[in-house]
Amino acid sequence: PEQPAETESPALPPEPPEESVIHTCTLEIRCDTVVDTSKLENEAVIPYVPANGVILATTEVEYTPGENVFEVLKRVTRDQGIQMEFDGGTLSGWMYKVNGQFPNYGCSQYFVEDGDEIVWMYTCDLGRDVGDNSTW
């Protein structure tokens, strides 16, 4: 006797690969400390200093797992044409916070995680003027 034909159950759609998950963090870039542009030693950057100190308002950005804070910054500033070459003297430079804290290691060592809130801020006084008191 012939066996009845087996009916195939409908195939389930394949699970999306892990890479298709979108990872996001927020990025903000501020230079409140040089809104008074007389602090800048290089007057050529004055046109890049917004009056309100906000170079990039808090923006949700995608990142790839394994990217560090510096790589995210480089990509976003390149994509948006943001100028970050300032010179406010020997105690000046860029600092970053993640989720409200100043990490005590370099930005290339801090790997981004979902939901991280990254804020870059320009200091003219080794961080004292942006709320970092870890250096003194």
C-alpha atoms as a PDB file:
ATOM      1  CA  PRO A   1       0.000   0.000   0.000  1.00  0.00           C
ATOM      2  CA  GLU A   2       1.108   3.510  -0.793  1.00  0.00           C
ATOM      3  CA  GLN A   3       2.039   5.821   2.037  1.00  0.00           C
ATOM      4  CA  PRO A   4       0.131   9.103   2.112  1.00  0.00           C
ATOM      5  CA  ALA A   5       2.289  12.034   1.036  1.00  0.00           C
ATOM      6  CA  GLU A   6       3.690  13.834   4.026  1.00  0.00           C
ATOM      7  CA  THR A   7       2.653  17.408   4.268  1.00  0.00           C
ATOM      8  CA  GLU A   8       5.531  19.700   4.976  1.00  0.00           C
ATOM      9  CA  SER A   9       5.020  22.156   7.747  1.00  0.00           C
ATOM     10  CA  PRO A  10       5.511  25.732   6.626  1.00  0.00           C
ATOM     11  CA  ALA A  11       9.100  26.823   7.080  1.00  0.00           C
ATOM     12  CA  LEU A  12       9.727  29.339   9.810  1.00  0.00           C
ATOM     13  CA  PRO A  13      11.554  32.485   8.760  1.00  0.00           C
ATOM     14  CA  PRO A  14      15.226  32.347   9.637  1.00  0.00           C
ATOM     15  CA  GLU A  15      16.351  34.087  12.794  1.00  0.00           C
ATOM     16  CA  PRO A  16      17.995  37.407  11.986  1.00  0.00           C
ATOM     17  CA  PRO A  17      21.763  37.228  12.354  1.00  0.00           C
ATOM     18  CA  GLU A  18      23.157  38.932  15.445  1.00  0.00           C
ATOM     19  CA  GLU A  19      24.848  41.558  13.234  1.00  0.00           C
ATOM     20  CA  SER A  20      21.462  42.935  12.207  1.00  0.00           C
ATOM     21  CA  VAL A  21      20.792  44.188  15.733  1.00  0.00           C
ATOM     22  CA  ILE A  22      21.179  47.953  15.779  1.00  0.00           C
ATOM     23  CA  HIS A  23      23.384  49.263  18.571  1.00  0.00           C
ATOM     24  CA  THR A  24      22.977  52.889  19.573  1.00  0.00           C
ATOM     25  CA  CYS A  25      24.484  55.393  21.948  1.00  0.00           C
ATOM     26  CA  THR A  26      24.166  59.152  22.221  1.00  0.00           C
ATOM     27  CA  LEU A  27      26.901  61.653  21.475  1.00  0.00           C
ATOM     28  CA  GLU A  28      27.110  65.301  22.476  1.00  0.00           C
ATOM     29  CA  ILE A  29      29.997  67.703  21.816  1.00  0.00           C
ATOM     30  CA  ARG A  30      30.333  70.907  23.861  1.00  0.00           C
ATOM     31  CA  CYS A  31      32.810  73.752  24.091  1.00  0.00           C
ATOM     32  CA  ASP A  32      31.182  75.947  26.740  1.00  0.00           C
ATOM     33  CA  THR A  33      34.601  76.821  28.172  1.00  0.00           C
ATOM     34  CA  VAL A  34      35.630  78.732  25.041  1.00  0.00           C
ATOM     35  CA  VAL A  35      32.379  80.588  24.320  1.00  0.00           C
ATOM     36  CA  ASP A  36      34.511  83.488  25.561  1.00  0.00           C
ATOM     37  CA  THR A  37      36.774  83.174  22.518  1.00  0.00           C
ATOM     38  CA  SER A  38      39.448  85.372  24.085  1.00  0.00           C
ATOM     39  CA  LYS A  39      40.652  82.133  25.761  1.00  0.00           C
ATOM     40  CA  LEU A  40      41.607  80.675  22.390  1.00  0.00           C
ATOM     41  CA  GLU A  41      45.219  81.004  21.337  1.00  0.00           C
ATOM     42  CA  ASN A  42      44.344  80.262  17.705  1.00  0.00           C
ATOM     43  CA  GLU A  43      41.852  82.880  16.481  1.00  0.00           C
ATOM     44  CA  ALA A  44      41.280  80.947  13.243  1.00  0.00           C
ATOM     45  CA  VAL A  45      38.918  78.556  15.073  1.00  0.00           C
ATOM     46  CA  ILE A  46      36.673  81.305  16.466  1.00  0.00           C
ATOM     47  CA  PRO A  47      34.082  80.814  13.666  1.00  0.00           C
ATOM     48  CA  TYR A  48      33.682  77.181  14.814  1.00  0.00           C
ATOM     49  CA  VAL A  49      32.702  78.124  18.383  1.00  0.00           C
ATOM     50  CA  PRO A  50      28.902  78.279  18.692  1.00  0.00           C
ATOM     51  CA  ALA A  51      27.589  81.053  20.942  1.00  0.00           C
ATOM     52  CA  ASN A  52      25.761  78.496  23.115  1.00  0.00           C
ATOM     53  CA  GLY A  53      28.771  76.177  23.374  1.00  0.00           C
ATOM     54  CA  VAL A  54      26.985  73.251  21.716  1.00  0.00           C
ATOM     55  CA  ILE A  55      28.909  71.884  18.740  1.00  0.00           C
ATOM     56  CA  LEU A  56      26.684  68.805  18.455  1.00  0.00           C
ATOM     57  CA  ALA A  57      23.455  68.548  20.444  1.00  0.00           C
ATOM     58  CA  THR A  58      22.733  65.153  21.986  1.00  0.00           C
ATOM     59  CA  THR A  59      22.340  62.850  18.978  1.00  0.00           C
ATOM     60  CA  GLU A  60      21.537  59.148  18.809  1.00  0.00           C
ATOM     61  CA  VAL A  61      24.160  57.392  16.711  1.00  0.00           C
ATOM     62  CA  GLU A  62      24.669  53.798  15.670  1.00  0.00           C
ATOM     63  CA  TYR A  63      27.877  52.017  16.498  1.00  0.00           C
ATOM     64  CA  THR A  64      29.411  48.642  15.787  1.00  0.00           C
ATOM     65  CA  PRO A  65      30.172  46.406  18.783  1.00  0.00           C
ATOM     66  CA  GLY A  66      33.879  46.701  19.501  1.00  0.00           C
ATOM     67  CA  GLU A  67      34.046  50.392  18.573  1.00  0.00           C
ATOM     68  CA  ASN A  68      35.610  52.638  21.166  1.00  0.00           C
ATOM     69  CA  VAL A  69      34.545  56.143  22.167  1.00  0.00           C
ATOM     70  CA  PHE A  70      37.241  57.758  20.000  1.00  0.00           C
ATOM     71  CA  GLU A  71      36.218  55.815  16.879  1.00  0.00           C
ATOM     72  CA  VAL A  72      32.581  56.895  17.308  1.00  0.00           C
ATOM     73  CA  LEU A  73      33.702  60.518  17.750  1.00  0.00           C
ATOM     74  CA  LYS A  74      35.932  60.414  14.644  1.00  0.00           C
ATOM     75  CA  ARG A  75      33.200  58.904  12.484  1.00  0.00           C
ATOM     76  CA  VAL A  76      30.483  61.335  13.576  1.00  0.00           C
ATOM     77  CA  THR A  77      32.686  64.438  13.286  1.00  0.00           C
ATOM     78  CA  ARG A  78      33.881  63.341   9.839  1.00  0.00           C
ATOM     79  CA  ASP A  79      30.348  62.557   8.627  1.00  0.00           C
ATOM     80  CA  GLN A  80      28.975  65.873   9.926  1.00  0.00           C
ATOM     81  CA  GLY A  81      31.959  68.072   9.025  1.00  0.00           C
ATOM     82  CA  ILE A  82      32.570  69.097  12.644  1.00  0.00           C
ATOM     83  CA  GLN A  83      35.729  71.041  13.461  1.00  0.00           C
ATOM     84  CA  MET A  84      37.312  70.093  16.792  1.00  0.00           C
ATOM     85  CA  GLU A  85      40.805  71.557  16.421  1.00  0.00           C
ATOM     86  CA  PHE A  86      40.894  74.154  19.195  1.00  0.00           C
ATOM     87  CA  ASP A  87      43.807  75.556  21.160  1.00  0.00           C
ATOM     88  CA  GLY A  88      42.966  77.052  24.514  1.00  0.00           C
ATOM     89  CA  GLY A  89      46.483  76.852  25.920  1.00  0.00           C
ATOM     90  CA  THR A  90      48.667  74.312  27.686  1.00  0.00           C
ATOM     91  CA  LEU A  91      45.976  73.104  30.123  1.00  0.00           C
ATOM     92  CA  SER A  92      43.350  72.694  27.410  1.00  0.00           C
ATOM     93  CA  GLY A  93      42.035  69.740  25.458  1.00  0.00           C
ATOM     94  CA  TRP A  94      39.089  67.445  24.943  1.00  0.00           C
ATOM     95  CA  MET A  95      37.697  65.276  27.737  1.00  0.00           C
ATOM     96  CA  TYR A  96      34.871  62.781  27.655  1.00  0.00           C
ATOM     97  CA  LYS A  97      32.213  61.510  30.033  1.00  0.00           C
ATOM     98  CA  VAL A  98      30.199  58.331  29.678  1.00  0.00           C
ATOM     99  CA  ASN A  99      26.910  58.121  31.552  1.00  0.00           C
ATOM    100  CA  GLY A 100      27.873  61.148  33.645  1.00  0.00           C
ATOM    101  CA  GLN A 101      31.298  59.850  34.732  1.00  0.00           C
ATOM    102  CA  PHE A 102      34.795  60.780  33.566  1.00  0.00           C
ATOM    103  CA  PRO A 103      36.534  57.442  32.893  1.00  0.00           C
ATOM    104  CA  ASN A 104      40.084  57.411  34.183  1.00  0.00           C
ATOM    105  CA  TYR A 105      41.525  55.972  30.981  1.00  0.00           C
ATOM    106  CA  GLY A 106      41.890  56.959  27.350  1.00  0.00           C
ATOM    107  CA  CYS A 107      39.026  57.156  24.904  1.00  0.00           C
ATOM    108  CA  SER A 108      40.551  54.441  22.704  1.00  0.00           C
ATOM    109  CA  GLN A 109      40.271  52.038  25.667  1.00  0.00           C
ATOM    110  CA  TYR A 110      36.584  52.697  26.413  1.00  0.00           C
ATOM    111  CA  PHE A 111      34.384  50.379  24.359  1.00  0.00           C
ATOM    112  CA  VAL A 112      30.868  51.641  23.675  1.00  0.00           C
ATOM    113  CA  GLU A 113      27.850  49.752  25.014  1.00  0.00           C
ATOM    114  CA  ASP A 114      24.165  50.070  24.130  1.00  0.00           C
ATOM    115  CA  GLY A 115      22.609  53.179  25.601  1.00  0.00           C
ATOM    116  CA  ASP A 116      25.880  54.861  26.584  1.00  0.00           C
ATOM    117  CA  GLU A 117      25.573  58.635  26.838  1.00  0.00           C
ATOM    118  CA  ILE A 118      28.858  60.072  25.607  1.00  0.00           C
ATOM    119  CA  VAL A 119      29.642  63.749  26.098  1.00  0.00           C
ATOM    120  CA  TRP A 120      32.828  65.338  24.785  1.00  0.00           C
ATOM    121  CA  MET A 121      33.712  68.678  26.308  1.00  0.00           C
ATOM    122  CA  TYR A 122      36.546  71.094  25.850  1.00  0.00           C
ATOM    123  CA  THR A 123      38.499  72.068  28.937  1.00  0.00           C
ATOM    124  CA  CYS A 124      40.831  75.031  29.350  1.00  0.00           C
ATOM    125  CA  ASP A 125      41.931  74.009  32.854  1.00  0.00           C
ATOM    126  CA  LEU A 126      42.728  70.253  32.945  1.00  0.00           C
ATOM    127  CA  GLY A 127      39.063  69.395  33.508  1.00  0.00           C
ATOM    128  CA  ARG A 128      38.412  71.633  36.536  1.00  0.00           C
ATOM    129  CA  ASP A 129      36.210  73.916  34.408  1.00  0.00           C
ATOM    130  CA  VAL A 130      34.013  71.004  33.210  1.00  0.00           C
ATOM    131  CA  GLY A 131      33.455  69.290  36.556  1.00  0.00           C
ATOM    132  CA  ASP A 132      36.244  66.704  36.610  1.00  0.00           C
ATOM    133  CA  ASN A 133      37.959  66.847  39.985  1.00  0.00           C
ATOM    134  CA  SER A 134      39.878  63.592  39.647  1.00  0.00           C
ATOM    135  CA  THR A 135      43.112  65.365  38.696  1.00  0.00           C
ATOM    136  CA  TRP A 136      43.345  67.509  41.821  1.00  0.00           C
END
